[in-house]
Amino acid sequence: MNLITSDEYPVYKTEILAAYGKTMIPPRTSKPGRPALPYQVPLKNLKYAMVDKVRKNGRVVKVLTRVIFGTVAAVKAALAASLVSRAINIAFVERNNGTDRNRNGRKVRKTYCFSKDWKVHEAVTYFTMYSYNFCWPVRTLRVRGPDSIWIQRTPAMVAGLADHVWSLPEWLAYPAVQRG
């Protein structure tokens, strides 16, 4: 991944390090006491920038950006090479969150459909996101085919994970684990 961007939610930094970092094990010392615990450090090529929205009376009054991992020059180079954005922003994360809330009633703000059980919440989240990516064509991803006819595509098709728009019964019947 060339550049990761997110909002100021503090968990992201920890999780990005867990997924894309390297575990460092401190050397043992001859001093008494417990040895130092292993810790995560970012890889040399990891670039992560954060958007911090400053609010006053519930309104956004200023938008700040910070580079968390990598250098400012490396982040600027990644933005210059990007095909989709020239600025540090969270538009794609917000679009994904909006789609998730729209398709999953358990995540709508101020709702009676909240999840009491984490496993059910997680299962519904997986169902909505995977079915969205494989079974629902997105208008902005369509392309013109022969004879100027629009060819519908899903996010999974654009990512090269599928070759057609899956029906829900087809997708639900497909085994999750492939036996070789």
N, C-alpha and C. Protein backbone atom coordinates (compact mmCIF):
# COMPACT_ATOMS: atom_id res chain seq x y z
N MET A 1 0.84 -1.16 0.00
CA MET A 1 0.00 0.00 0.00
C MET A 1 0.90 1.24 0.00
N ASN A 2 0.64 2.16 -0.91
CA ASN A 2 1.52 3.30 -1.05
C ASN A 2 1.31 4.36 0.03
N LEU A 3 0.05 4.61 0.42
CA LEU A 3 -0.25 5.62 1.44
C LEU A 3 -1.53 5.24 2.14
N ILE A 4 -1.52 5.31 3.46
CA ILE A 4 -2.72 5.07 4.26
C ILE A 4 -3.13 6.40 4.86
N THR A 5 -4.42 6.72 4.78
CA THR A 5 -4.94 7.93 5.44
C THR A 5 -6.14 7.55 6.28
N SER A 6 -6.34 8.27 7.38
CA SER A 6 -7.49 8.01 8.24
C SER A 6 -7.84 9.28 9.01
N ASP A 7 -8.92 9.19 9.77
CA ASP A 7 -9.25 10.28 10.68
C ASP A 7 -8.46 10.10 11.97
N GLU A 8 -8.80 10.89 12.99
CA GLU A 8 -7.97 10.91 14.21
C GLU A 8 -8.31 9.82 15.23
N TYR A 9 -9.12 8.85 14.85
CA TYR A 9 -9.46 7.77 15.77
C TYR A 9 -8.18 7.07 16.22
N PRO A 10 -7.86 7.08 17.52
CA PRO A 10 -6.55 6.64 18.00
C PRO A 10 -6.22 5.16 17.75
N VAL A 11 -7.21 4.31 17.59
CA VAL A 11 -6.97 2.89 17.41
C VAL A 11 -6.27 2.61 16.08
N TYR A 12 -6.49 3.47 15.07
CA TYR A 12 -5.91 3.22 13.75
C TYR A 12 -4.39 3.09 13.80
N LYS A 13 -3.72 3.94 14.54
CA LYS A 13 -2.26 3.91 14.60
C LYS A 13 -1.78 2.55 15.12
N THR A 14 -2.39 2.06 16.18
CA THR A 14 -2.02 0.77 16.76
C THR A 14 -2.28 -0.37 15.79
N GLU A 15 -3.44 -0.34 15.14
CA GLU A 15 -3.81 -1.42 14.24
C GLU A 15 -2.97 -1.40 12.96
N ILE A 16 -2.64 -0.23 12.46
CA ILE A 16 -1.77 -0.14 11.28
C ILE A 16 -0.39 -0.69 11.61
N LEU A 17 0.11 -0.37 12.80
CA LEU A 17 1.40 -0.94 13.22
C LEU A 17 1.31 -2.46 13.34
N ALA A 18 0.21 -2.95 13.88
CA ALA A 18 0.05 -4.41 14.04
C ALA A 18 0.02 -5.10 12.68
N ALA A 19 -0.63 -4.47 11.69
CA ALA A 19 -0.77 -5.09 10.37
C ALA A 19 0.45 -4.89 9.48
N TYR A 20 1.06 -3.70 9.55
CA TYR A 20 2.13 -3.35 8.61
C TYR A 20 3.46 -3.04 9.28
N GLY A 21 3.56 -3.28 10.58
CA GLY A 21 4.80 -2.99 11.29
C GLY A 21 5.67 -4.21 11.47
N LYS A 22 6.76 -4.00 12.16
CA LYS A 22 7.72 -5.07 12.44
C LYS A 22 7.86 -5.17 13.96
N THR A 23 7.86 -6.39 14.47
CA THR A 23 8.02 -6.60 15.91
C THR A 23 9.50 -6.54 16.27
N MET A 24 9.81 -5.69 17.22
CA MET A 24 11.18 -5.56 17.72
C MET A 24 11.25 -6.20 19.10
N ILE A 25 12.23 -7.05 19.29
CA ILE A 25 12.45 -7.68 20.59
C ILE A 25 13.69 -7.04 21.20
N PRO A 26 13.51 -6.30 22.29
CA PRO A 26 14.67 -5.64 22.90
C PRO A 26 15.70 -6.65 23.40
N PRO A 27 16.97 -6.31 23.32
CA PRO A 27 18.00 -7.24 23.81
C PRO A 27 17.92 -7.36 25.33
N ARG A 28 18.31 -8.51 25.82
CA ARG A 28 18.33 -8.74 27.27
C ARG A 28 19.46 -7.94 27.88
N THR A 29 19.21 -7.44 29.05
CA THR A 29 20.26 -6.73 29.79
C THR A 29 20.64 -7.55 31.00
N SER A 30 21.72 -7.20 31.62
CA SER A 30 22.14 -7.93 32.82
C SER A 30 21.53 -7.31 34.08
N LYS A 31 20.69 -6.33 33.90
CA LYS A 31 20.06 -5.66 35.05
C LYS A 31 18.93 -6.52 35.60
N PRO A 32 18.65 -6.38 36.92
CA PRO A 32 17.55 -7.16 37.51
C PRO A 32 16.20 -6.63 37.02
N GLY A 33 15.21 -7.47 37.12
CA GLY A 33 13.85 -7.07 36.75
C GLY A 33 13.39 -7.79 35.48
N ARG A 34 12.16 -7.51 35.14
CA ARG A 34 11.58 -8.14 33.96
C ARG A 34 12.24 -7.59 32.69
N PRO A 35 12.36 -8.45 31.68
CA PRO A 35 12.89 -7.94 30.42
C PRO A 35 11.86 -7.03 29.73
N ALA A 36 12.34 -6.13 28.91
CA ALA A 36 11.45 -5.23 28.18
C ALA A 36 10.59 -6.04 27.22
N LEU A 37 9.35 -5.61 27.04
CA LEU A 37 8.41 -6.32 26.18
C LEU A 37 8.69 -5.99 24.71
N PRO A 38 8.35 -6.92 23.81
CA PRO A 38 8.47 -6.63 22.38
C PRO A 38 7.54 -5.45 22.02
N TYR A 39 7.91 -4.72 20.98
CA TYR A 39 7.10 -3.59 20.54
C TYR A 39 7.12 -3.50 19.02
N GLN A 40 6.16 -2.78 18.48
CA GLN A 40 6.02 -2.64 17.03
C GLN A 40 6.67 -1.35 16.56
N VAL A 41 7.35 -1.43 15.43
CA VAL A 41 7.91 -0.24 14.78
C VAL A 41 7.44 -0.25 13.33
N PRO A 42 7.25 0.93 12.74
CA PRO A 42 6.81 0.96 11.33
C PRO A 42 7.93 0.52 10.40
N LEU A 43 7.55 -0.13 9.32
CA LEU A 43 8.52 -0.47 8.29
C LEU A 43 9.01 0.82 7.63
N LYS A 44 10.17 0.75 7.02
CA LYS A 44 10.81 1.94 6.44
C LYS A 44 9.93 2.61 5.38
N ASN A 45 9.22 1.82 4.57
CA ASN A 45 8.42 2.38 3.48
C ASN A 45 6.95 2.63 3.85
N LEU A 46 6.57 2.47 5.12
CA LEU A 46 5.20 2.71 5.56
C LEU A 46 4.91 4.20 5.63
N LYS A 47 3.84 4.61 4.94
CA LYS A 47 3.43 6.02 4.94
C LYS A 47 1.99 6.10 5.42
N TYR A 48 1.79 6.83 6.50
CA TYR A 48 0.46 6.97 7.10
C TYR A 48 0.26 8.41 7.52
N ALA A 49 -0.81 9.02 7.02
CA ALA A 49 -1.14 10.40 7.36
C ALA A 49 -2.55 10.44 7.95
N MET A 50 -2.76 11.40 8.83
CA MET A 50 -4.01 11.50 9.56
C MET A 50 -4.66 12.87 9.33
N VAL A 51 -5.99 12.87 9.20
CA VAL A 51 -6.76 14.09 9.10
C VAL A 51 -7.39 14.35 10.46
N ASP A 52 -7.14 15.52 11.01
CA ASP A 52 -7.65 15.89 12.33
C ASP A 52 -8.62 17.05 12.15
N LYS A 53 -9.90 16.81 12.44
CA LYS A 53 -10.91 17.85 12.31
C LYS A 53 -11.08 18.54 13.66
N VAL A 54 -10.82 19.85 13.69
CA VAL A 54 -10.98 20.64 14.91
C VAL A 54 -12.42 21.13 14.93
N ARG A 55 -13.13 20.82 16.02
CA ARG A 55 -14.54 21.18 16.13
C ARG A 55 -14.75 22.23 17.21
N LYS A 56 -15.74 23.08 16.98
CA LYS A 56 -16.15 24.06 17.98
C LYS A 56 -17.67 24.14 17.92
N ASN A 57 -18.30 23.88 19.06
CA ASN A 57 -19.76 23.84 19.14
C ASN A 57 -20.37 22.86 18.13
N GLY A 58 -19.72 21.72 17.97
CA GLY A 58 -20.24 20.68 17.09
C GLY A 58 -19.98 20.91 15.61
N ARG A 59 -19.29 21.95 15.25
CA ARG A 59 -19.01 22.27 13.85
C ARG A 59 -17.50 22.17 13.58
N VAL A 60 -17.15 21.71 12.41
CA VAL A 60 -15.74 21.64 12.02
C VAL A 60 -15.30 23.05 11.65
N VAL A 61 -14.28 23.55 12.36
CA VAL A 61 -13.78 24.90 12.10
C VAL A 61 -12.41 24.88 11.40
N LYS A 62 -11.72 23.75 11.48
CA LYS A 62 -10.40 23.65 10.86
C LYS A 62 -10.09 22.19 10.59
N VAL A 63 -9.41 21.95 9.48
CA VAL A 63 -8.98 20.60 9.14
C VAL A 63 -7.45 20.61 9.08
N LEU A 64 -6.84 19.81 9.94
CA LEU A 64 -5.38 19.70 9.99
C LEU A 64 -4.95 18.33 9.49
N THR A 65 -3.76 18.24 8.93
CA THR A 65 -3.23 16.95 8.52
C THR A 65 -1.88 16.74 9.20
N ARG A 66 -1.59 15.48 9.55
CA ARG A 66 -0.32 15.13 10.19
C ARG A 66 0.21 13.86 9.55
N VAL A 67 1.51 13.79 9.40
CA VAL A 67 2.16 12.56 8.94
C VAL A 67 2.54 11.78 10.19
N ILE A 68 2.04 10.56 10.31
CA ILE A 68 2.29 9.72 11.48
C ILE A 68 3.49 8.81 11.24
N PHE A 69 3.49 8.10 10.11
CA PHE A 69 4.61 7.22 9.75
C PHE A 69 5.13 7.67 8.40
N GLY A 70 6.45 7.67 8.26
CA GLY A 70 7.07 8.13 7.03
C GLY A 70 7.46 9.59 7.16
N THR A 71 7.89 10.17 6.06
CA THR A 71 8.28 11.58 6.06
C THR A 71 7.28 12.39 5.24
N VAL A 72 7.29 13.70 5.47
CA VAL A 72 6.41 14.58 4.70
C VAL A 72 6.73 14.45 3.22
N ALA A 73 8.01 14.39 2.87
CA ALA A 73 8.41 14.26 1.46
C ALA A 73 7.90 12.95 0.86
N ALA A 74 7.97 11.86 1.61
CA ALA A 74 7.49 10.56 1.11
C ALA A 74 5.98 10.58 0.90
N VAL A 75 5.24 11.22 1.81
CA VAL A 75 3.79 11.33 1.67
C VAL A 75 3.45 12.19 0.46
N LYS A 76 4.16 13.30 0.27
CA LYS A 76 3.91 14.15 -0.90
C LYS A 76 4.21 13.41 -2.19
N ALA A 77 5.26 12.61 -2.21
CA ALA A 77 5.59 11.81 -3.40
C ALA A 77 4.49 10.78 -3.69
N ALA A 78 3.96 10.15 -2.64
CA ALA A 78 2.88 9.18 -2.81
C ALA A 78 1.63 9.86 -3.36
N LEU A 79 1.33 11.05 -2.87
CA LEU A 79 0.18 11.80 -3.37
C LEU A 79 0.38 12.21 -4.83
N ALA A 80 1.59 12.60 -5.18
CA ALA A 80 1.88 12.99 -6.56
C ALA A 80 1.71 11.81 -7.51
N ALA A 81 2.01 10.61 -7.04
CA ALA A 81 1.89 9.41 -7.87
C ALA A 81 0.47 8.83 -7.86
N SER A 82 -0.39 9.31 -6.98
CA SER A 82 -1.74 8.77 -6.84
C SER A 82 -2.59 9.11 -8.06
N LEU A 83 -3.42 8.15 -8.45
CA LEU A 83 -4.35 8.36 -9.55
C LEU A 83 -5.68 8.93 -9.09
N VAL A 84 -5.92 8.94 -7.77
CA VAL A 84 -7.24 9.31 -7.28
C VAL A 84 -7.27 10.54 -6.38
N SER A 85 -6.14 10.99 -5.86
CA SER A 85 -6.18 12.12 -4.94
C SER A 85 -4.83 12.83 -4.90
N ARG A 86 -4.87 14.13 -4.70
CA ARG A 86 -3.65 14.92 -4.58
C ARG A 86 -3.49 15.52 -3.18
N ALA A 87 -4.41 15.18 -2.27
CA ALA A 87 -4.37 15.74 -0.92
C ALA A 87 -4.63 14.63 0.10
N ILE A 88 -4.14 14.84 1.32
CA ILE A 88 -4.44 13.92 2.41
C ILE A 88 -5.90 14.13 2.77
N ASN A 89 -6.72 13.09 2.59
CA ASN A 89 -8.15 13.21 2.91
C ASN A 89 -8.69 11.87 3.36
N ILE A 90 -9.92 11.89 3.82
CA ILE A 90 -10.56 10.66 4.29
C ILE A 90 -11.85 10.40 3.51
N ALA A 91 -11.93 10.93 2.30
CA ALA A 91 -13.15 10.79 1.51
C ALA A 91 -13.50 9.33 1.26
N PHE A 92 -12.49 8.49 0.98
CA PHE A 92 -12.77 7.09 0.67
C PHE A 92 -13.22 6.33 1.91
N VAL A 93 -12.62 6.63 3.05
CA VAL A 93 -13.05 6.00 4.30
C VAL A 93 -14.47 6.43 4.64
N GLU A 94 -14.76 7.72 4.48
CA GLU A 94 -16.11 8.22 4.77
C GLU A 94 -17.14 7.60 3.83
N ARG A 95 -16.78 7.43 2.55
CA ARG A 95 -17.71 6.81 1.59
C ARG A 95 -17.97 5.36 1.98
N ASN A 96 -16.93 4.65 2.39
CA ASN A 96 -17.09 3.28 2.83
C ASN A 96 -17.97 3.21 4.09
N ASN A 97 -17.73 4.13 5.04
CA ASN A 97 -18.55 4.15 6.26
C ASN A 97 -20.01 4.46 5.94
N GLY A 98 -20.24 5.39 5.01
CA GLY A 98 -21.61 5.72 4.61
C GLY A 98 -22.31 4.53 3.98
N THR A 99 -21.61 3.82 3.11
CA THR A 99 -22.17 2.62 2.48
C THR A 99 -22.46 1.56 3.53
N ASP A 100 -21.55 1.39 4.47
CA ASP A 100 -21.73 0.40 5.53
C ASP A 100 -22.96 0.73 6.38
N ARG A 101 -23.10 1.99 6.78
CA ARG A 101 -24.26 2.39 7.59
C ARG A 101 -25.56 2.25 6.79
N ASN A 102 -25.50 2.54 5.49
CA ASN A 102 -26.69 2.44 4.66
C ASN A 102 -27.15 0.99 4.52
N ARG A 103 -26.23 0.08 4.41
CA ARG A 103 -26.56 -1.32 4.16
C ARG A 103 -26.72 -2.15 5.44
N ASN A 104 -26.24 -1.64 6.57
CA ASN A 104 -26.25 -2.40 7.82
C ASN A 104 -26.96 -1.58 8.89
N GLY A 105 -28.21 -1.91 9.15
CA GLY A 105 -29.02 -1.16 10.12
C GLY A 105 -28.44 -1.15 11.52
N ARG A 106 -27.57 -2.10 11.84
CA ARG A 106 -26.96 -2.16 13.16
C ARG A 106 -25.95 -1.04 13.38
N LYS A 107 -25.53 -0.37 12.31
CA LYS A 107 -24.53 0.68 12.43
C LYS A 107 -25.09 2.08 12.24
N VAL A 108 -26.39 2.17 12.01
CA VAL A 108 -27.02 3.48 11.86
C VAL A 108 -26.99 4.19 13.20
N ARG A 109 -26.75 5.46 13.17
CA ARG A 109 -26.71 6.23 14.42
C ARG A 109 -28.12 6.34 15.00
N LYS A 110 -28.21 6.29 16.32
CA LYS A 110 -29.46 6.43 17.06
C LYS A 110 -30.54 5.49 16.53
N THR A 111 -30.30 4.19 16.65
CA THR A 111 -31.21 3.20 16.11
C THR A 111 -31.62 2.20 17.18
N TYR A 112 -32.72 1.52 16.93
CA TYR A 112 -33.14 0.43 17.80
C TYR A 112 -32.58 -0.91 17.31
N CYS A 113 -31.87 -0.90 16.20
CA CYS A 113 -31.35 -2.13 15.59
C CYS A 113 -29.94 -2.47 16.06
N PHE A 114 -29.50 -1.92 17.17
CA PHE A 114 -28.13 -2.15 17.61
C PHE A 114 -27.90 -3.62 17.94
N SER A 115 -26.65 -4.02 17.93
CA SER A 115 -26.29 -5.41 18.19
C SER A 115 -25.99 -5.60 19.67
N LYS A 116 -26.59 -6.61 20.25
CA LYS A 116 -26.29 -6.95 21.64
C LYS A 116 -25.16 -7.97 21.71
N ASP A 117 -24.96 -8.69 20.62
CA ASP A 117 -23.97 -9.76 20.59
C ASP A 117 -22.91 -9.40 19.56
N TRP A 118 -21.64 -9.34 19.99
CA TRP A 118 -20.55 -8.96 19.09
C TRP A 118 -20.43 -9.91 17.90
N LYS A 119 -20.62 -11.21 18.11
CA LYS A 119 -20.47 -12.18 17.02
C LYS A 119 -21.51 -11.94 15.93
N VAL A 120 -22.74 -11.62 16.32
CA VAL A 120 -23.79 -11.33 15.33
C VAL A 120 -23.44 -10.03 14.59
N HIS A 121 -23.00 -9.04 15.33
CA HIS A 121 -22.61 -7.77 14.73
C HIS A 121 -21.50 -7.98 13.69
N GLU A 122 -20.51 -8.77 14.07
CA GLU A 122 -19.39 -9.05 13.16
C GLU A 122 -19.87 -9.82 11.93
N ALA A 123 -20.76 -10.79 12.12
CA ALA A 123 -21.28 -11.59 11.01
C ALA A 123 -22.06 -10.72 10.02
N VAL A 124 -22.90 -9.85 10.55
CA VAL A 124 -23.69 -8.96 9.68
C VAL A 124 -22.76 -7.99 8.94
N THR A 125 -21.72 -7.53 9.61
CA THR A 125 -20.75 -6.64 8.96
C THR A 125 -20.08 -7.36 7.80
N TYR A 126 -19.61 -8.58 8.02
CA TYR A 126 -18.99 -9.35 6.94
C TYR A 126 -19.98 -9.57 5.80
N PHE A 127 -21.21 -9.93 6.14
CA PHE A 127 -22.21 -10.18 5.09
C PHE A 127 -22.45 -8.93 4.25
N THR A 128 -22.65 -7.78 4.89
CA THR A 128 -22.96 -6.57 4.12
C THR A 128 -21.78 -6.13 3.27
N MET A 129 -20.58 -6.18 3.79
CA MET A 129 -19.44 -5.70 3.02
C MET A 129 -19.06 -6.66 1.89
N TYR A 130 -19.07 -7.97 2.14
CA TYR A 130 -18.72 -8.91 1.08
C TYR A 130 -19.81 -8.95 0.01
N SER A 131 -21.07 -8.94 0.40
CA SER A 131 -22.13 -8.95 -0.61
C SER A 131 -22.10 -7.66 -1.42
N TYR A 132 -21.80 -6.54 -0.78
CA TYR A 132 -21.67 -5.27 -1.51
C TYR A 132 -20.55 -5.37 -2.55
N ASN A 133 -19.41 -5.91 -2.16
CA ASN A 133 -18.26 -5.95 -3.06
C ASN A 133 -18.41 -6.95 -4.20
N PHE A 134 -19.18 -8.02 -4.00
CA PHE A 134 -19.30 -9.05 -5.04
C PHE A 134 -20.63 -9.02 -5.78
N CYS A 135 -21.70 -8.55 -5.15
CA CYS A 135 -23.04 -8.74 -5.71
C CYS A 135 -23.72 -7.46 -6.19
N TRP A 136 -23.20 -6.30 -5.89
CA TRP A 136 -23.89 -5.07 -6.23
C TRP A 136 -23.04 -4.20 -7.15
N PRO A 137 -23.45 -4.06 -8.43
CA PRO A 137 -22.68 -3.21 -9.34
C PRO A 137 -22.72 -1.76 -8.86
N VAL A 138 -21.61 -1.08 -9.00
CA VAL A 138 -21.51 0.33 -8.61
C VAL A 138 -21.49 1.16 -9.89
N ARG A 139 -22.39 2.13 -9.97
CA ARG A 139 -22.54 2.92 -11.19
C ARG A 139 -21.24 3.58 -11.63
N THR A 140 -20.48 4.10 -10.68
CA THR A 140 -19.25 4.82 -11.04
C THR A 140 -18.13 3.89 -11.49
N LEU A 141 -18.31 2.58 -11.35
CA LEU A 141 -17.28 1.63 -11.79
C LEU A 141 -17.59 1.03 -13.15
N ARG A 142 -18.74 1.35 -13.73
CA ARG A 142 -19.10 0.77 -15.02
C ARG A 142 -18.19 1.30 -16.13
N VAL A 143 -18.08 0.52 -17.19
CA VAL A 143 -17.25 0.91 -18.34
C VAL A 143 -18.05 0.69 -19.61
N ARG A 144 -17.68 1.42 -20.65
CA ARG A 144 -18.33 1.23 -21.95
C ARG A 144 -17.73 0.02 -22.64
N GLY A 145 -18.60 -0.86 -23.09
CA GLY A 145 -18.16 -2.04 -23.81
C GLY A 145 -18.37 -1.87 -25.30
N PRO A 146 -18.40 -2.98 -26.02
CA PRO A 146 -18.65 -2.91 -27.46
C PRO A 146 -20.02 -2.29 -27.74
N ASP A 147 -20.12 -1.59 -28.83
CA ASP A 147 -21.37 -0.93 -29.23
C ASP A 147 -21.83 0.10 -28.21
N SER A 148 -20.90 0.66 -27.44
CA SER A 148 -21.20 1.70 -26.45
C SER A 148 -22.21 1.27 -25.40
N ILE A 149 -22.26 -0.02 -25.10
CA ILE A 149 -23.15 -0.53 -24.06
C ILE A 149 -22.39 -0.52 -22.73
N TRP A 150 -23.06 -0.04 -21.66
CA TRP A 150 -22.43 0.00 -20.35
C TRP A 150 -22.30 -1.40 -19.78
N ILE A 151 -21.11 -1.73 -19.29
CA ILE A 151 -20.86 -3.00 -18.62
C ILE A 151 -20.78 -2.71 -17.12
N GLN A 152 -21.70 -3.32 -16.37
CA GLN A 152 -21.76 -3.12 -14.93
C GLN A 152 -20.60 -3.87 -14.27
N ARG A 153 -20.01 -3.25 -13.24
CA ARG A 153 -18.91 -3.89 -12.51
C ARG A 153 -19.08 -3.67 -11.02
N THR A 154 -18.61 -4.65 -10.25
CA THR A 154 -18.61 -4.55 -8.79
C THR A 154 -17.19 -4.17 -8.34
N PRO A 155 -17.02 -3.73 -7.09
CA PRO A 155 -15.67 -3.48 -6.59
C PRO A 155 -14.76 -4.70 -6.69
N ALA A 156 -15.30 -5.89 -6.47
CA ALA A 156 -14.48 -7.11 -6.57
C ALA A 156 -14.02 -7.34 -8.01
N MET A 157 -14.83 -6.98 -8.99
CA MET A 157 -14.43 -7.12 -10.39
C MET A 157 -13.30 -6.16 -10.71
N VAL A 158 -13.39 -4.93 -10.23
CA VAL A 158 -12.35 -3.94 -10.49
C VAL A 158 -11.04 -4.36 -9.83
N ALA A 159 -11.12 -4.98 -8.67
CA ALA A 159 -9.92 -5.43 -7.95
C ALA A 159 -9.36 -6.74 -8.53
N GLY A 160 -10.06 -7.33 -9.50
CA GLY A 160 -9.59 -8.57 -10.10
C GLY A 160 -9.94 -9.82 -9.29
N LEU A 161 -10.88 -9.71 -8.35
CA LEU A 161 -11.26 -10.85 -7.51
C LEU A 161 -12.45 -11.61 -8.07
N ALA A 162 -13.15 -11.02 -9.03
CA ALA A 162 -14.32 -11.67 -9.63
C ALA A 162 -14.35 -11.33 -11.11
N ASP A 163 -15.00 -12.20 -11.89
CA ASP A 163 -15.10 -11.94 -13.32
C ASP A 163 -16.52 -11.63 -13.76
N HIS A 164 -17.46 -11.60 -12.80
CA HIS A 164 -18.85 -11.28 -13.12
C HIS A 164 -19.55 -10.77 -11.86
N VAL A 165 -20.73 -10.20 -12.04
CA VAL A 165 -21.54 -9.78 -10.90
C VAL A 165 -22.21 -11.03 -10.34
N TRP A 166 -21.92 -11.33 -9.09
CA TRP A 166 -22.47 -12.52 -8.47
C TRP A 166 -23.90 -12.27 -8.01
N SER A 167 -24.76 -13.29 -8.10
CA SER A 167 -26.08 -13.22 -7.49
C SER A 167 -25.91 -13.57 -6.01
N LEU A 168 -26.84 -13.14 -5.17
CA LEU A 168 -26.74 -13.49 -3.74
C LEU A 168 -26.78 -15.00 -3.52
N PRO A 169 -27.70 -15.75 -4.17
CA PRO A 169 -27.68 -17.21 -3.96
C PRO A 169 -26.35 -17.85 -4.40
N GLU A 170 -25.78 -17.38 -5.52
CA GLU A 170 -24.49 -17.91 -5.98
C GLU A 170 -23.40 -17.61 -4.96
N TRP A 171 -23.38 -16.38 -4.46
CA TRP A 171 -22.35 -15.98 -3.51
C TRP A 171 -22.49 -16.72 -2.18
N LEU A 172 -23.73 -16.88 -1.69
CA LEU A 172 -23.95 -17.58 -0.42
C LEU A 172 -23.64 -19.07 -0.51
N ALA A 173 -23.78 -19.66 -1.70
CA ALA A 173 -23.51 -21.09 -1.87
C ALA A 173 -22.04 -21.39 -2.09
N TYR A 174 -21.25 -20.37 -2.38
CA TYR A 174 -19.82 -20.58 -2.66
C TYR A 174 -19.09 -20.90 -1.37
N PRO A 175 -18.30 -21.98 -1.33
CA PRO A 175 -17.61 -22.33 -0.08
C PRO A 175 -16.56 -21.27 0.29
N ALA A 176 -16.54 -20.90 1.54
CA ALA A 176 -15.61 -19.87 2.02
C ALA A 176 -14.18 -20.37 2.01
N VAL A 177 -13.98 -21.64 2.29
CA VAL A 177 -12.64 -22.22 2.32
C VAL A 177 -12.54 -23.18 1.14
N GLN A 178 -11.56 -22.94 0.28
CA GLN A 178 -11.35 -23.81 -0.88
C GLN A 178 -10.40 -24.93 -0.51
N ARG A 179 -10.79 -26.13 -0.79
CA ARG A 179 -9.93 -27.29 -0.50
C ARG A 179 -9.16 -27.62 -1.77
N GLY A 180 -7.83 -27.70 -1.64
CA GLY A 180 -6.98 -27.89 -2.81
C GLY A 180 -6.77 -29.28 -3.12
